């Protein structure tokens, strides 16, 4: 394995949806197995992405569950499950993306992670996902108490990297997060699949696997 080479572009990965298969549907399709339409309704109207984002920004789950349950007492058990059975929302790593990450590591690229994730639930994953140890720094929104796409969390990341945004590549499956990074000067890839990521990296001159790693400065941003 090559040592990380600071002459190469720093590469920043999002976690959920890119390297980690997290989806609340994994849990709620078990809890509400006979009504997939209700699963979608529940996740769009009760335990919404906006509600969950507040935990990602640092709100304690106990507080969030208590407040939402008081508003929707008929769904208290389902709301509580979002917290107490959270681990069932993660099936594991997205292995084809982890394979790319491993290739970048071997090629010597400095690797970082920046993820919107509750500090409470991320703690459950630290020892479960070995590849988390490959990153120089992992910035979790719930620990930092700031969240993508707010500019402040990107500035925190740049402080950790110690390099300007133009020397960094940011990879995320959320388009608003990608656009915010691009506006701050990052090179960006909007993650849509491991296959498309591999193609985008090659297009940008970021080589993996047995190919020789060399510094890449894309002519244009994705």
N, C-alpha and C. Protein backbone atom coordinates (compact mmCIF):
# COMPACT_ATOMS: atom_id res chain seq x y z
N UNK A 1 0.84 -1.20 0.00
CA UNK A 1 0.00 0.00 0.00
C UNK A 1 0.87 1.24 0.00
N UNK A 2 0.52 2.22 -0.83
CA UNK A 2 1.28 3.46 -0.90
C UNK A 2 0.94 4.37 0.28
N UNK A 3 1.95 5.12 0.72
CA UNK A 3 1.68 6.18 1.69
C UNK A 3 0.94 7.30 0.99
N UNK A 4 0.06 8.00 1.74
CA UNK A 4 -0.66 9.12 1.16
C UNK A 4 0.33 10.19 0.69
N UNK A 5 0.07 10.71 -0.48
CA UNK A 5 0.95 11.68 -1.13
C UNK A 5 0.24 13.03 -1.20
N UNK A 6 0.74 14.00 -0.44
CA UNK A 6 0.08 15.31 -0.39
C UNK A 6 0.23 16.11 -1.67
N UNK A 7 1.02 15.62 -2.62
CA UNK A 7 1.07 16.27 -3.93
C UNK A 7 -0.14 15.90 -4.78
N UNK A 8 -0.85 14.86 -4.37
CA UNK A 8 -2.05 14.44 -5.09
C UNK A 8 -3.27 15.17 -4.54
N UNK A 9 -4.32 15.24 -5.35
CA UNK A 9 -5.55 15.87 -4.93
C UNK A 9 -6.14 15.17 -3.71
N UNK A 10 -6.61 15.94 -2.74
CA UNK A 10 -7.33 15.39 -1.60
C UNK A 10 -8.73 15.00 -2.05
N UNK A 11 -9.18 13.83 -1.66
CA UNK A 11 -10.48 13.33 -2.10
C UNK A 11 -11.37 13.15 -0.87
N UNK A 12 -12.54 13.78 -0.94
CA UNK A 12 -13.48 13.81 0.18
C UNK A 12 -14.73 13.04 -0.20
N UNK A 13 -15.08 12.04 0.59
CA UNK A 13 -16.26 11.22 0.35
C UNK A 13 -17.36 11.54 1.36
N UNK A 14 -18.58 11.64 0.86
CA UNK A 14 -19.76 11.49 1.70
C UNK A 14 -19.84 10.01 2.10
N UNK A 15 -20.62 9.69 3.12
CA UNK A 15 -20.73 8.30 3.57
C UNK A 15 -22.06 7.67 3.18
N UNK A 16 -23.16 8.11 3.79
CA UNK A 16 -24.46 7.51 3.51
C UNK A 16 -24.88 7.70 2.06
N UNK A 17 -25.22 6.58 1.40
CA UNK A 17 -25.62 6.63 0.00
C UNK A 17 -24.47 6.56 -0.97
N UNK A 18 -23.24 6.69 -0.47
CA UNK A 18 -22.05 6.61 -1.32
C UNK A 18 -21.21 5.40 -0.92
N UNK A 19 -20.88 5.30 0.37
CA UNK A 19 -20.10 4.18 0.88
C UNK A 19 -20.89 3.29 1.84
N UNK A 20 -21.98 3.80 2.37
CA UNK A 20 -22.78 3.07 3.35
C UNK A 20 -24.22 2.99 2.84
N UNK A 21 -24.77 1.76 2.84
CA UNK A 21 -26.15 1.56 2.39
C UNK A 21 -27.10 1.82 3.55
N UNK A 22 -27.38 3.11 3.77
CA UNK A 22 -28.34 3.53 4.80
C UNK A 22 -29.63 3.95 4.12
N UNK A 23 -30.74 3.40 4.57
CA UNK A 23 -32.05 3.80 4.05
C UNK A 23 -33.09 3.38 5.08
N UNK A 24 -33.90 4.31 5.60
CA UNK A 24 -34.92 3.93 6.58
C UNK A 24 -35.91 2.91 6.05
N UNK A 25 -36.02 2.79 4.74
CA UNK A 25 -36.93 1.79 4.16
C UNK A 25 -36.51 0.37 4.52
N UNK A 26 -35.21 0.15 4.73
CA UNK A 26 -34.76 -1.18 5.13
C UNK A 26 -35.46 -1.63 6.41
N UNK A 27 -35.67 -0.69 7.34
CA UNK A 27 -36.37 -1.00 8.58
C UNK A 27 -37.88 -1.01 8.39
N UNK A 28 -38.42 0.05 7.79
CA UNK A 28 -39.87 0.21 7.79
C UNK A 28 -40.58 -0.76 6.86
N UNK A 29 -39.87 -1.31 5.90
CA UNK A 29 -40.49 -2.36 5.08
C UNK A 29 -40.65 -3.66 5.86
N UNK A 30 -39.91 -3.79 6.95
CA UNK A 30 -40.11 -4.91 7.87
C UNK A 30 -41.25 -4.61 8.84
N UNK A 31 -41.29 -3.38 9.31
CA UNK A 31 -42.31 -3.02 10.30
C UNK A 31 -43.70 -2.91 9.67
N UNK A 32 -43.74 -2.51 8.41
CA UNK A 32 -45.02 -2.31 7.70
C UNK A 32 -44.96 -3.13 6.41
N UNK A 33 -44.76 -4.41 6.56
CA UNK A 33 -44.46 -5.27 5.41
C UNK A 33 -45.60 -5.38 4.41
N UNK A 34 -46.82 -5.19 4.87
CA UNK A 34 -47.97 -5.42 3.98
C UNK A 34 -48.46 -4.16 3.28
N UNK A 35 -47.77 -3.02 3.47
CA UNK A 35 -48.28 -1.77 2.89
C UNK A 35 -47.13 -0.85 2.49
N UNK A 36 -46.49 -1.13 1.34
CA UNK A 36 -45.36 -0.29 0.92
C UNK A 36 -45.75 1.16 0.67
N UNK A 37 -46.98 1.40 0.27
CA UNK A 37 -47.42 2.78 0.05
C UNK A 37 -47.44 3.56 1.36
N UNK A 38 -47.82 2.88 2.46
CA UNK A 38 -47.83 3.54 3.75
C UNK A 38 -46.41 3.83 4.23
N UNK A 39 -45.47 2.94 3.92
CA UNK A 39 -44.07 3.20 4.26
C UNK A 39 -43.64 4.53 3.65
N UNK A 40 -43.93 4.70 2.37
CA UNK A 40 -43.54 5.94 1.69
C UNK A 40 -44.26 7.14 2.29
N UNK A 41 -45.52 6.98 2.61
CA UNK A 41 -46.28 8.08 3.22
C UNK A 41 -45.67 8.45 4.57
N UNK A 42 -45.37 7.45 5.38
CA UNK A 42 -44.83 7.69 6.72
C UNK A 42 -43.50 8.43 6.65
N UNK A 43 -42.65 8.02 5.74
CA UNK A 43 -41.32 8.64 5.64
C UNK A 43 -41.36 9.99 4.94
N UNK A 44 -42.45 10.29 4.28
CA UNK A 44 -42.61 11.60 3.64
C UNK A 44 -43.38 12.59 4.50
N UNK A 45 -44.13 12.06 5.51
CA UNK A 45 -45.01 12.93 6.27
C UNK A 45 -44.80 12.91 7.78
N UNK A 46 -44.17 11.87 8.31
CA UNK A 46 -43.96 11.78 9.76
C UNK A 46 -42.46 11.85 10.06
N UNK A 47 -41.75 10.77 9.86
CA UNK A 47 -40.29 10.77 10.04
C UNK A 47 -39.64 11.22 8.74
N UNK A 48 -39.73 12.49 8.49
CA UNK A 48 -39.32 13.04 7.20
C UNK A 48 -37.81 13.27 7.14
N UNK A 49 -37.26 13.44 5.94
CA UNK A 49 -35.84 13.79 5.84
C UNK A 49 -35.50 15.08 6.59
N UNK A 50 -36.42 16.03 6.58
CA UNK A 50 -36.18 17.30 7.28
C UNK A 50 -36.12 17.09 8.79
N UNK A 51 -36.98 16.22 9.30
CA UNK A 51 -36.95 15.88 10.73
C UNK A 51 -35.63 15.20 11.08
N UNK A 52 -35.24 14.24 10.27
CA UNK A 52 -33.99 13.52 10.54
C UNK A 52 -32.77 14.42 10.43
N UNK A 53 -32.83 15.42 9.54
CA UNK A 53 -31.69 16.33 9.36
C UNK A 53 -31.38 17.09 10.64
N UNK A 54 -32.38 17.32 11.48
CA UNK A 54 -32.12 18.02 12.73
C UNK A 54 -31.29 17.17 13.69
N UNK A 55 -31.47 15.85 13.65
CA UNK A 55 -30.60 14.96 14.42
C UNK A 55 -29.19 14.98 13.81
N UNK A 56 -29.12 15.01 12.49
CA UNK A 56 -27.81 15.09 11.83
C UNK A 56 -27.08 16.37 12.24
N UNK A 57 -27.84 17.41 12.56
CA UNK A 57 -27.23 18.68 12.96
C UNK A 57 -26.94 18.76 14.45
N UNK A 58 -27.29 17.70 15.20
CA UNK A 58 -26.92 17.67 16.60
C UNK A 58 -28.06 17.53 17.60
N UNK A 59 -29.32 17.56 17.14
CA UNK A 59 -30.42 17.40 18.10
C UNK A 59 -30.44 15.97 18.64
N UNK A 60 -30.57 15.78 19.96
CA UNK A 60 -30.62 14.42 20.52
C UNK A 60 -31.84 13.66 20.02
N UNK A 61 -31.67 12.38 19.75
CA UNK A 61 -32.77 11.56 19.26
C UNK A 61 -33.91 11.48 20.27
N UNK A 62 -33.58 11.38 21.55
CA UNK A 62 -34.64 11.27 22.56
C UNK A 62 -35.57 12.48 22.51
N UNK A 63 -34.98 13.65 22.38
CA UNK A 63 -35.77 14.88 22.26
C UNK A 63 -36.60 14.87 20.99
N UNK A 64 -36.00 14.47 19.88
CA UNK A 64 -36.71 14.47 18.60
C UNK A 64 -37.88 13.50 18.61
N UNK A 65 -37.66 12.31 19.16
CA UNK A 65 -38.71 11.29 19.20
C UNK A 65 -39.84 11.72 20.12
N UNK A 66 -39.51 12.28 21.26
CA UNK A 66 -40.55 12.72 22.20
C UNK A 66 -41.41 13.82 21.59
N UNK A 67 -40.77 14.78 20.94
CA UNK A 67 -41.53 15.88 20.33
C UNK A 67 -42.43 15.39 19.22
N UNK A 68 -41.89 14.55 18.33
CA UNK A 68 -42.69 14.08 17.20
C UNK A 68 -43.80 13.14 17.66
N UNK A 69 -43.53 12.34 18.67
CA UNK A 69 -44.56 11.43 19.19
C UNK A 69 -45.71 12.19 19.82
N UNK A 70 -45.41 13.33 20.44
CA UNK A 70 -46.49 14.14 21.02
C UNK A 70 -47.37 14.75 19.95
N UNK A 71 -46.79 14.99 18.79
CA UNK A 71 -47.55 15.53 17.67
C UNK A 71 -48.35 14.46 16.93
N UNK A 72 -47.83 13.23 16.95
CA UNK A 72 -48.47 12.12 16.23
C UNK A 72 -48.53 10.89 17.13
N UNK A 73 -49.34 10.93 18.20
CA UNK A 73 -49.36 9.83 19.17
C UNK A 73 -49.77 8.49 18.57
N UNK A 74 -50.54 8.49 17.49
CA UNK A 74 -50.94 7.22 16.88
C UNK A 74 -49.77 6.47 16.27
N UNK A 75 -48.67 7.18 16.02
CA UNK A 75 -47.51 6.56 15.37
C UNK A 75 -46.30 6.49 16.32
N UNK A 76 -46.56 6.57 17.61
CA UNK A 76 -45.46 6.64 18.57
C UNK A 76 -44.49 5.47 18.42
N UNK A 77 -45.01 4.24 18.26
CA UNK A 77 -44.12 3.09 18.16
C UNK A 77 -43.27 3.14 16.90
N UNK A 78 -43.85 3.56 15.81
CA UNK A 78 -43.09 3.66 14.57
C UNK A 78 -42.05 4.77 14.64
N UNK A 79 -42.41 5.86 15.29
CA UNK A 79 -41.46 6.96 15.45
C UNK A 79 -40.29 6.52 16.34
N UNK A 80 -40.60 5.85 17.44
CA UNK A 80 -39.54 5.39 18.35
C UNK A 80 -38.59 4.42 17.65
N UNK A 81 -39.13 3.62 16.74
CA UNK A 81 -38.30 2.64 16.03
C UNK A 81 -37.20 3.31 15.23
N UNK A 82 -37.44 4.53 14.77
CA UNK A 82 -36.41 5.24 14.00
C UNK A 82 -35.14 5.39 14.81
N UNK A 83 -35.30 5.46 16.12
CA UNK A 83 -34.13 5.59 16.99
C UNK A 83 -33.66 4.23 17.50
N UNK A 84 -34.55 3.49 18.16
CA UNK A 84 -34.11 2.29 18.86
C UNK A 84 -33.76 1.15 17.91
N UNK A 85 -34.27 1.20 16.68
CA UNK A 85 -33.94 0.16 15.71
C UNK A 85 -33.19 0.75 14.51
N UNK A 86 -32.50 1.87 14.77
CA UNK A 86 -31.81 2.58 13.69
C UNK A 86 -30.82 1.69 12.95
N UNK A 87 -30.12 0.81 13.66
CA UNK A 87 -29.09 -0.01 13.02
C UNK A 87 -29.66 -0.89 11.90
N UNK A 88 -30.94 -1.19 11.96
CA UNK A 88 -31.57 -2.00 10.92
C UNK A 88 -31.77 -1.23 9.63
N UNK A 89 -31.49 0.07 9.64
CA UNK A 89 -31.55 0.87 8.42
C UNK A 89 -30.27 0.75 7.60
N UNK A 90 -29.25 0.16 8.17
CA UNK A 90 -27.95 0.02 7.50
C UNK A 90 -27.73 -1.44 7.16
N UNK A 91 -27.60 -1.75 5.87
CA UNK A 91 -27.32 -3.13 5.48
C UNK A 91 -25.82 -3.40 5.46
N UNK A 92 -25.01 -2.36 5.43
CA UNK A 92 -23.57 -2.52 5.40
C UNK A 92 -22.95 -1.55 4.41
N UNK A 93 -21.77 -1.89 3.94
CA UNK A 93 -21.05 -1.05 3.00
C UNK A 93 -21.59 -1.24 1.59
N UNK A 94 -21.44 -0.19 0.77
CA UNK A 94 -21.68 -0.30 -0.67
C UNK A 94 -20.35 -0.76 -1.26
N UNK A 95 -20.20 -2.05 -1.41
CA UNK A 95 -18.88 -2.65 -1.66
C UNK A 95 -18.21 -2.15 -2.94
N UNK A 96 -18.93 -1.95 -4.06
CA UNK A 96 -18.22 -1.45 -5.25
C UNK A 96 -17.59 -0.07 -5.04
N UNK A 97 -18.23 0.79 -4.23
CA UNK A 97 -17.62 2.09 -3.94
C UNK A 97 -16.45 1.94 -2.98
N UNK A 98 -16.59 1.03 -2.01
CA UNK A 98 -15.47 0.77 -1.10
C UNK A 98 -14.27 0.26 -1.88
N UNK A 99 -14.52 -0.53 -2.93
CA UNK A 99 -13.41 -1.02 -3.76
C UNK A 99 -12.68 0.14 -4.43
N UNK A 100 -13.43 1.13 -4.90
CA UNK A 100 -12.81 2.32 -5.49
C UNK A 100 -12.01 3.07 -4.44
N UNK A 101 -12.59 3.21 -3.25
CA UNK A 101 -11.89 3.88 -2.15
C UNK A 101 -10.57 3.16 -1.85
N UNK A 102 -10.61 1.84 -1.85
CA UNK A 102 -9.39 1.06 -1.58
C UNK A 102 -8.34 1.30 -2.66
N UNK A 103 -8.78 1.41 -3.91
CA UNK A 103 -7.84 1.67 -5.00
C UNK A 103 -7.21 3.05 -4.86
N UNK A 104 -8.01 4.04 -4.50
CA UNK A 104 -7.48 5.38 -4.29
C UNK A 104 -6.49 5.40 -3.12
N UNK A 105 -6.80 4.63 -2.11
CA UNK A 105 -5.88 4.54 -0.96
C UNK A 105 -4.55 3.93 -1.39
N UNK A 106 -4.61 2.86 -2.14
CA UNK A 106 -3.37 2.22 -2.60
C UNK A 106 -2.57 3.14 -3.52
N UNK A 107 -3.30 3.98 -4.28
CA UNK A 107 -2.64 4.89 -5.21
C UNK A 107 -2.04 6.10 -4.50
N UNK A 108 -2.32 6.26 -3.22
CA UNK A 108 -1.68 7.32 -2.45
C UNK A 108 -2.46 8.60 -2.29
N UNK A 109 -3.73 8.61 -2.70
CA UNK A 109 -4.51 9.84 -2.56
C UNK A 109 -4.88 10.07 -1.10
N UNK A 110 -4.73 11.30 -0.59
CA UNK A 110 -5.19 11.62 0.77
C UNK A 110 -6.72 11.57 0.81
N UNK A 111 -7.27 10.84 1.75
CA UNK A 111 -8.71 10.59 1.81
C UNK A 111 -9.32 11.20 3.06
N UNK A 112 -10.49 11.81 2.87
CA UNK A 112 -11.25 12.43 3.96
C UNK A 112 -12.72 12.07 3.79
N UNK A 113 -13.49 12.22 4.87
CA UNK A 113 -14.93 11.99 4.80
C UNK A 113 -15.65 13.15 5.46
N UNK A 114 -16.79 13.50 4.86
CA UNK A 114 -17.65 14.57 5.38
C UNK A 114 -19.08 14.09 5.21
N UNK A 115 -19.77 13.87 6.33
CA UNK A 115 -21.10 13.24 6.26
C UNK A 115 -22.09 13.92 7.18
N UNK A 116 -23.31 14.08 6.69
CA UNK A 116 -24.43 14.46 7.54
C UNK A 116 -24.92 13.21 8.26
N UNK A 117 -24.70 13.17 9.57
CA UNK A 117 -24.98 11.94 10.32
C UNK A 117 -25.10 12.32 11.79
N UNK A 118 -26.08 11.76 12.47
CA UNK A 118 -26.22 11.97 13.90
C UNK A 118 -24.99 11.43 14.63
N UNK A 119 -24.52 12.19 15.60
CA UNK A 119 -23.38 11.72 16.39
C UNK A 119 -23.73 10.44 17.15
N UNK A 120 -24.98 10.33 17.61
CA UNK A 120 -25.40 9.15 18.37
C UNK A 120 -25.37 7.89 17.52
N UNK A 121 -25.91 7.98 16.31
CA UNK A 121 -25.99 6.77 15.49
C UNK A 121 -24.67 6.48 14.77
N UNK A 122 -23.88 7.51 14.49
CA UNK A 122 -22.58 7.24 13.88
C UNK A 122 -21.70 6.45 14.83
N UNK A 123 -21.85 6.69 16.11
CA UNK A 123 -21.06 5.95 17.11
C UNK A 123 -21.30 4.45 17.00
N UNK A 124 -22.48 4.05 16.52
CA UNK A 124 -22.79 2.63 16.36
C UNK A 124 -22.04 2.00 15.20
N UNK A 125 -21.54 2.84 14.29
CA UNK A 125 -20.91 2.36 13.06
C UNK A 125 -19.39 2.40 13.10
N UNK A 126 -18.82 3.11 14.04
CA UNK A 126 -17.36 3.33 14.03
C UNK A 126 -16.57 2.03 13.97
N UNK A 127 -16.99 1.03 14.72
CA UNK A 127 -16.25 -0.23 14.75
C UNK A 127 -16.81 -1.24 13.76
N UNK A 128 -17.92 -0.93 13.14
CA UNK A 128 -18.56 -1.87 12.21
C UNK A 128 -18.02 -1.74 10.80
N UNK A 129 -17.54 -0.56 10.43
CA UNK A 129 -17.09 -0.29 9.07
C UNK A 129 -15.58 -0.04 9.08
N UNK A 130 -14.84 -1.05 8.67
CA UNK A 130 -13.38 -0.96 8.75
C UNK A 130 -12.81 0.18 7.91
N UNK A 131 -13.46 0.48 6.77
CA UNK A 131 -12.89 1.49 5.87
C UNK A 131 -12.90 2.89 6.47
N UNK A 132 -13.64 3.10 7.55
CA UNK A 132 -13.60 4.41 8.20
C UNK A 132 -12.20 4.73 8.70
N UNK A 133 -11.41 3.71 8.95
CA UNK A 133 -10.04 3.92 9.40
C UNK A 133 -9.09 4.33 8.29
N UNK A 134 -9.56 4.34 7.06
CA UNK A 134 -8.71 4.73 5.93
C UNK A 134 -8.64 6.25 5.75
N UNK A 135 -9.55 6.97 6.38
CA UNK A 135 -9.61 8.41 6.21
C UNK A 135 -8.69 9.11 7.20
N UNK A 136 -8.03 10.16 6.73
CA UNK A 136 -7.23 10.98 7.64
C UNK A 136 -8.12 11.64 8.67
N UNK A 137 -9.26 12.14 8.23
CA UNK A 137 -10.21 12.82 9.10
C UNK A 137 -11.62 12.47 8.65
N UNK A 138 -12.50 12.21 9.61
CA UNK A 138 -13.92 12.01 9.33
C UNK A 138 -14.69 13.09 10.08
N UNK A 139 -15.35 13.96 9.34
CA UNK A 139 -16.14 15.03 9.95
C UNK A 139 -17.61 14.64 9.87
N UNK A 140 -18.24 14.53 11.03
CA UNK A 140 -19.64 14.14 11.16
C UNK A 140 -20.43 15.35 11.61
N UNK A 141 -21.50 15.64 10.89
CA UNK A 141 -22.25 16.87 11.15
C UNK A 141 -22.78 16.93 12.58
N UNK A 142 -23.26 15.79 13.09
CA UNK A 142 -23.81 15.79 14.44
C UNK A 142 -22.78 16.08 15.50
N UNK A 143 -21.53 15.72 15.23
CA UNK A 143 -20.45 16.04 16.17
C UNK A 143 -20.02 17.50 16.03
N UNK A 144 -20.00 17.99 14.79
CA UNK A 144 -19.61 19.37 14.53
C UNK A 144 -20.73 20.36 14.82
N UNK A 145 -21.98 19.84 14.88
CA UNK A 145 -23.19 20.65 15.09
C UNK A 145 -23.34 21.71 13.99
N UNK A 146 -23.02 21.31 12.80
CA UNK A 146 -23.28 22.07 11.59
C UNK A 146 -23.47 21.05 10.48
N UNK A 147 -24.11 21.44 9.38
CA UNK A 147 -24.59 20.44 8.44
C UNK A 147 -24.44 20.91 7.00
N UNK A 148 -24.13 19.99 6.11
CA UNK A 148 -24.17 20.31 4.67
C UNK A 148 -25.60 20.61 4.28
N UNK A 149 -25.87 21.57 3.40
CA UNK A 149 -24.91 22.32 2.59
C UNK A 149 -24.49 23.68 3.17
N UNK A 150 -24.54 23.84 4.50
CA UNK A 150 -24.09 25.10 5.08
C UNK A 150 -22.60 25.29 4.81
N UNK A 151 -22.19 26.48 4.40
CA UNK A 151 -20.77 26.69 4.07
C UNK A 151 -19.83 26.41 5.23
N UNK A 152 -20.28 26.62 6.46
CA UNK A 152 -19.38 26.50 7.62
C UNK A 152 -18.78 25.11 7.74
N UNK A 153 -19.53 24.07 7.39
CA UNK A 153 -18.98 22.72 7.56
C UNK A 153 -17.93 22.42 6.49
N UNK A 154 -18.05 23.05 5.33
CA UNK A 154 -17.02 22.89 4.31
C UNK A 154 -15.74 23.63 4.72
N UNK A 155 -15.90 24.78 5.36
CA UNK A 155 -14.72 25.49 5.85
C UNK A 155 -14.03 24.68 6.95
N UNK A 156 -14.83 24.02 7.79
CA UNK A 156 -14.25 23.15 8.81
C UNK A 156 -13.44 22.04 8.16
N UNK A 157 -13.98 21.47 7.11
CA UNK A 157 -13.28 20.42 6.36
C UNK A 157 -11.96 20.95 5.79
N UNK A 158 -12.01 22.11 5.16
CA UNK A 158 -10.78 22.67 4.57
C UNK A 158 -9.73 22.94 5.63
N UNK A 159 -10.16 23.35 6.81
CA UNK A 159 -9.21 23.56 7.90
C UNK A 159 -8.54 22.25 8.28
N UNK A 160 -9.32 21.15 8.27
CA UNK A 160 -8.76 19.84 8.60
C UNK A 160 -7.79 19.37 7.53
N UNK A 161 -8.11 19.65 6.26
CA UNK A 161 -7.27 19.23 5.15
C UNK A 161 -6.01 20.09 5.07
N UNK A 162 -6.16 21.38 5.34
CA UNK A 162 -5.03 22.30 5.26
C UNK A 162 -4.66 22.68 3.84
N UNK A 163 -5.65 22.64 2.95
CA UNK A 163 -5.41 22.96 1.55
C UNK A 163 -6.60 23.73 1.02
N UNK A 164 -6.44 24.50 -0.08
CA UNK A 164 -7.58 25.23 -0.64
C UNK A 164 -8.55 24.28 -1.33
N UNK A 165 -9.77 24.77 -1.50
CA UNK A 165 -10.82 23.94 -2.09
C UNK A 165 -10.46 23.45 -3.48
N UNK A 166 -9.73 24.26 -4.23
CA UNK A 166 -9.37 23.88 -5.60
C UNK A 166 -8.44 22.68 -5.68
N UNK A 167 -7.83 22.28 -4.55
CA UNK A 167 -6.97 21.11 -4.52
C UNK A 167 -7.70 19.90 -3.93
N UNK A 168 -9.02 20.01 -3.83
CA UNK A 168 -9.83 18.95 -3.23
C UNK A 168 -10.94 18.52 -4.20
N UNK A 169 -11.29 17.25 -4.14
CA UNK A 169 -12.43 16.70 -4.88
C UNK A 169 -13.46 16.24 -3.87
N UNK A 170 -14.70 16.70 -4.03
CA UNK A 170 -15.79 16.37 -3.12
C UNK A 170 -16.79 15.48 -3.85
N UNK A 171 -17.15 14.35 -3.23
CA UNK A 171 -18.05 13.35 -3.83
C UNK A 171 -19.23 13.15 -2.90
N UNK A 172 -20.46 13.36 -3.41
CA UNK A 172 -21.66 13.27 -2.58
C UNK A 172 -22.83 12.87 -3.48
N UNK A 173 -23.79 12.14 -2.90
CA UNK A 173 -24.98 11.77 -3.68
C UNK A 173 -26.06 12.83 -3.62
N UNK A 174 -25.90 13.84 -2.77
CA UNK A 174 -26.88 14.92 -2.66
C UNK A 174 -26.48 16.07 -3.57
N UNK A 175 -27.32 16.40 -4.54
CA UNK A 175 -26.99 17.47 -5.47
C UNK A 175 -26.85 18.82 -4.76
N UNK A 176 -27.73 19.20 -3.82
CA UNK A 176 -27.51 20.48 -3.11
C UNK A 176 -26.15 20.54 -2.40
N UNK A 177 -25.72 19.43 -1.83
CA UNK A 177 -24.41 19.42 -1.16
C UNK A 177 -23.28 19.59 -2.17
N UNK A 178 -23.42 18.96 -3.33
CA UNK A 178 -22.41 19.06 -4.38
C UNK A 178 -22.34 20.49 -4.92
N UNK A 179 -23.50 21.09 -5.15
CA UNK A 179 -23.52 22.45 -5.69
C UNK A 179 -22.93 23.45 -4.70
N UNK A 180 -23.20 23.24 -3.41
CA UNK A 180 -22.63 24.13 -2.40
C UNK A 180 -21.11 24.03 -2.39
N UNK A 181 -20.60 22.80 -2.50
CA UNK A 181 -19.14 22.61 -2.54
C UNK A 181 -18.55 23.25 -3.78
N UNK A 182 -19.21 23.08 -4.90
CA UNK A 182 -18.71 23.67 -6.15
C UNK A 182 -18.64 25.18 -6.04
N UNK A 183 -19.66 25.78 -5.41
CA UNK A 183 -19.68 27.23 -5.26
C UNK A 183 -18.53 27.73 -4.39
N UNK A 184 -18.03 26.85 -3.52
CA UNK A 184 -16.90 27.22 -2.66
C UNK A 184 -15.56 26.92 -3.31
N UNK A 185 -15.57 26.40 -4.53
CA UNK A 185 -14.33 26.18 -5.27
C UNK A 185 -13.83 24.76 -5.33
N UNK A 186 -14.56 23.81 -4.72
CA UNK A 186 -14.17 22.41 -4.80
C UNK A 186 -14.37 21.88 -6.22
N UNK A 187 -13.55 20.93 -6.61
CA UNK A 187 -13.87 20.05 -7.71
C UNK A 187 -14.91 19.07 -7.19
N UNK A 188 -15.88 18.70 -7.98
CA UNK A 188 -16.99 17.91 -7.45
C UNK A 188 -17.38 16.79 -8.40
N UNK A 189 -17.94 15.74 -7.80
CA UNK A 189 -18.62 14.67 -8.53
C UNK A 189 -19.94 14.41 -7.82
N UNK A 190 -21.04 14.48 -8.57
CA UNK A 190 -22.34 14.09 -8.04
C UNK A 190 -22.45 12.57 -8.18
N UNK A 191 -22.36 11.87 -7.05
CA UNK A 191 -22.37 10.41 -7.06
C UNK A 191 -23.74 9.89 -7.45
N UNK A 192 -23.77 9.00 -8.44
CA UNK A 192 -25.01 8.34 -8.83
C UNK A 192 -24.90 6.82 -8.81
N UNK A 193 -23.70 6.30 -9.00
CA UNK A 193 -23.46 4.86 -8.91
C UNK A 193 -21.96 4.65 -8.84
N UNK A 194 -21.51 3.49 -8.32
CA UNK A 194 -20.07 3.22 -8.32
C UNK A 194 -19.48 3.24 -9.74
N UNK A 195 -20.24 2.74 -10.69
CA UNK A 195 -19.74 2.69 -12.07
C UNK A 195 -19.54 4.09 -12.63
N UNK A 196 -20.50 4.96 -12.39
CA UNK A 196 -20.37 6.33 -12.90
C UNK A 196 -19.26 7.07 -12.17
N UNK A 197 -19.07 6.78 -10.89
CA UNK A 197 -17.98 7.40 -10.13
C UNK A 197 -16.63 7.01 -10.73
N UNK A 198 -16.46 5.73 -11.02
CA UNK A 198 -15.19 5.29 -11.59
C UNK A 198 -14.92 6.01 -12.91
N UNK A 199 -15.96 6.15 -13.73
CA UNK A 199 -15.80 6.84 -15.00
C UNK A 199 -15.46 8.30 -14.83
N UNK A 200 -16.10 8.96 -13.86
CA UNK A 200 -15.82 10.38 -13.61
C UNK A 200 -14.40 10.58 -13.10
N UNK A 201 -13.95 9.69 -12.24
CA UNK A 201 -12.58 9.80 -11.73
C UNK A 201 -11.57 9.66 -12.87
N UNK A 202 -11.79 8.70 -13.74
CA UNK A 202 -10.87 8.52 -14.86
C UNK A 202 -10.92 9.74 -15.79
N UNK A 203 -12.12 10.27 -16.01
CA UNK A 203 -12.25 11.44 -16.88
C UNK A 203 -11.47 12.62 -16.32
N UNK A 204 -11.43 12.72 -14.99
CA UNK A 204 -10.73 13.82 -14.34
C UNK A 204 -9.24 13.54 -14.19
N UNK A 205 -8.79 12.39 -14.63
CA UNK A 205 -7.37 12.06 -14.54
C UNK A 205 -6.95 11.54 -13.20
N UNK A 206 -7.91 11.09 -12.39
CA UNK A 206 -7.60 10.53 -11.07
C UNK A 206 -7.56 9.02 -11.23
N UNK A 207 -6.37 8.48 -11.14
CA UNK A 207 -6.14 7.09 -11.50
C UNK A 207 -6.16 6.19 -10.28
N UNK A 208 -6.69 5.00 -10.48
CA UNK A 208 -6.83 4.05 -9.38
C UNK A 208 -6.20 2.72 -9.78
N UNK A 209 -6.30 1.76 -8.89
CA UNK A 209 -5.84 0.43 -9.19
C UNK A 209 -4.35 0.38 -9.44
N UNK A 210 -3.97 -0.35 -10.49
CA UNK A 210 -2.56 -0.54 -10.78
C UNK A 210 -1.95 0.61 -11.56
N UNK A 211 -2.81 1.58 -11.98
CA UNK A 211 -2.28 2.71 -12.73
C UNK A 211 -1.49 3.64 -11.81
N UNK A 212 -0.51 4.29 -12.35
CA UNK A 212 0.34 5.17 -11.56
C UNK A 212 -0.44 6.39 -11.11
N UNK A 213 -0.41 6.67 -9.79
CA UNK A 213 -1.08 7.87 -9.28
C UNK A 213 -0.27 9.09 -9.66
N UNK A 214 -0.99 10.11 -10.10
CA UNK A 214 -0.32 11.37 -10.37
C UNK A 214 -1.28 12.50 -10.07
N UNK A 215 -0.74 13.69 -9.87
CA UNK A 215 -1.55 14.82 -9.46
C UNK A 215 -2.53 15.16 -10.56
N UNK A 216 -3.75 15.52 -10.12
CA UNK A 216 -4.80 15.84 -11.09
C UNK A 216 -5.39 17.19 -10.76
N UNK A 217 -5.46 18.06 -11.74
CA UNK A 217 -6.15 19.33 -11.61
C UNK A 217 -7.10 19.45 -12.77
N UNK A 218 -8.40 19.11 -12.61
CA UNK A 218 -9.34 19.12 -13.72
C UNK A 218 -9.43 20.49 -14.36
N UNK A 219 -9.64 20.50 -15.68
CA UNK A 219 -9.80 21.76 -16.40
C UNK A 219 -11.13 22.39 -16.08
N UNK A 220 -12.13 21.57 -15.77
CA UNK A 220 -13.45 22.11 -15.44
C UNK A 220 -14.04 21.29 -14.33
N UNK A 221 -14.98 21.88 -13.62
CA UNK A 221 -15.63 21.21 -12.51
C UNK A 221 -16.85 20.48 -13.00
N UNK A 222 -17.13 19.34 -12.34
CA UNK A 222 -18.32 18.58 -12.70
C UNK A 222 -19.55 19.30 -12.18
